[in-house]
Every structure is written in structure tokens, then in C-alpha cells.
Amino acid sequence: MRVAVTGLIGLYHRPDPDGMADLVIGYSAVYTGGVLAAGDDASEAGWFSGEALENLPLALATTERLLAWWHELRTGQASQHFGEQ
């Protein structure tokens, strides 16, 4: 699948107790072509509306935070987010 990046949603930094950390970078993008397919890190892939995303069970807090930021940006309620949460 191909996309064109349209903006930066935010950066999410999450340190863990062992001294390591996750750094997640969230981008907004638009579909430009190709076929959506699951990679080696997922069993399936799919398209979801913004409303449907709000009702999906998510495994990671980072994913929940980035989706909340995306929703804020989409509805004009916030600007880009950076930093530790």
C-alpha cells in the first residue's frame, strides 16, 4: 500500500522500568494506491472509519493516545502533540 504523509500527529515517549523506552511517531496520511495487507507483525489489516476506531479494543496505551490526538486534530480541538505522557 502507498500513502502520502500529510502531517505529524505527535511524538509519544514512554520510558519503562528497565531503563528502556518506546518512542512512537504518529503521522497522518492519505491513501495513494496499492493493496492494504497485513505484514509479519499482524494477522490481518483493515480500513476503519474514525468513529469505528473509537470502539476498537486496543492493546497498547501508545496506540490509544495517538488515536486520541488524531481525533483532536481531526475535529479541530488541538494541535500537534510532543513529549512524554
Protein backbone atom coordinates (compact mmCIF):
# COMPACT_ATOMS: atom_id res chain seq x y z
CA MET A 1 0.00 0.00 0.00
CA ARG A 2 1.19 3.53 -0.71
CA VAL A 3 0.33 6.68 1.22
CA ALA A 4 1.31 10.34 1.12
CA VAL A 5 2.18 11.78 4.53
CA THR A 6 0.12 14.90 5.20
CA GLY A 7 1.35 15.84 8.65
CA LEU A 8 2.75 14.90 12.03
CA ILE A 9 0.22 13.92 14.70
CA GLY A 10 2.71 13.74 17.54
CA LEU A 11 5.56 12.03 19.34
CA TYR A 12 4.92 9.72 22.27
CA HIS A 13 7.73 8.80 24.66
CA ARG A 14 7.12 6.07 27.21
CA PRO A 15 10.01 5.02 29.46
CA ASP A 16 9.82 1.60 31.10
CA PRO A 17 11.15 0.46 34.50
CA ASP A 18 14.19 -1.29 32.93
CA GLY A 19 15.64 1.97 31.60
CA MET A 20 14.46 1.39 28.03
CA ALA A 21 11.82 3.46 26.27
CA ASP A 22 9.37 3.42 23.40
CA LEU A 23 9.29 6.35 21.01
CA VAL A 24 6.25 6.33 18.76
CA ILE A 25 5.90 8.83 15.92
CA GLY A 26 2.38 9.30 14.57
CA TYR A 27 1.79 10.68 11.08
CA SER A 28 -1.40 11.50 9.23
CA ALA A 29 -1.53 10.30 5.63
CA VAL A 30 -3.82 9.75 2.67
CA TYR A 31 -4.09 6.59 0.61
CA THR A 32 -2.49 6.90 -2.83
CA GLY A 33 -2.61 3.32 -4.16
CA GLY A 34 -1.76 -0.31 -3.77
CA VAL A 35 -3.33 -3.03 -1.64
CA LEU A 36 -3.75 -2.98 2.13
CA ALA A 37 -2.24 -6.17 3.57
CA ALA A 38 -1.07 -7.39 6.96
CA GLY A 39 2.69 -7.56 7.47
CA ASP A 40 4.64 -10.04 9.57
CA ASP A 41 3.55 -8.23 12.74
CA ALA A 42 -0.22 -8.66 12.25
CA SER A 43 -2.67 -11.40 11.34
CA GLU A 44 -4.94 -9.06 9.37
CA ALA A 45 -5.34 -5.45 8.21
CA GLY A 46 -8.46 -3.40 7.58
CA TRP A 47 -9.93 0.02 6.90
CA PHE A 48 -11.85 1.72 9.71
CA SER A 49 -13.75 4.98 9.99
CA GLY A 50 -12.80 7.43 12.72
CA GLU A 51 -15.99 6.51 14.58
CA ALA A 52 -15.25 2.78 14.38
CA LEU A 53 -11.74 3.31 15.76
CA GLU A 54 -13.23 4.72 18.95
CA ASN A 55 -14.88 1.35 19.67
CA LEU A 56 -11.98 -1.00 18.88
CA PRO A 57 -10.19 -2.76 21.74
CA LEU A 58 -6.56 -1.62 21.57
CA ALA A 59 -3.61 -3.48 23.05
CA LEU A 60 -1.25 -0.57 23.66
CA ALA A 61 -1.62 2.72 25.55
CA THR A 62 0.56 4.38 22.91
CA THR A 63 -1.97 3.46 20.23
CA GLU A 64 -4.84 4.79 22.34
CA ARG A 65 -3.00 8.09 22.96
CA LEU A 66 -2.11 8.61 19.28
CA LEU A 67 -5.69 7.87 18.19
CA ALA A 68 -6.99 10.38 20.77
CA TRP A 69 -4.57 13.00 19.41
CA TRP A 70 -5.60 12.17 15.83
CA HIS A 71 -9.26 12.63 16.78
CA GLU A 72 -8.48 16.00 18.42
CA LEU A 73 -6.63 17.17 15.30
CA ARG A 74 -9.39 15.90 13.02
CA THR A 75 -12.10 17.75 14.94
CA GLY A 76 -10.08 20.96 15.31
CA GLN A 77 -9.73 20.61 19.08
CA ALA A 78 -5.93 20.53 19.35
CA SER A 79 -2.61 20.99 17.63
CA GLN A 80 0.33 18.60 17.31
CA HIS A 81 1.49 16.83 20.47
CA PHE A 82 5.03 16.24 21.59
CA GLY A 83 6.60 14.86 24.73
CA GLU A 84 6.16 12.29 27.43
CA GLN A 85 2.74 11.09 28.57
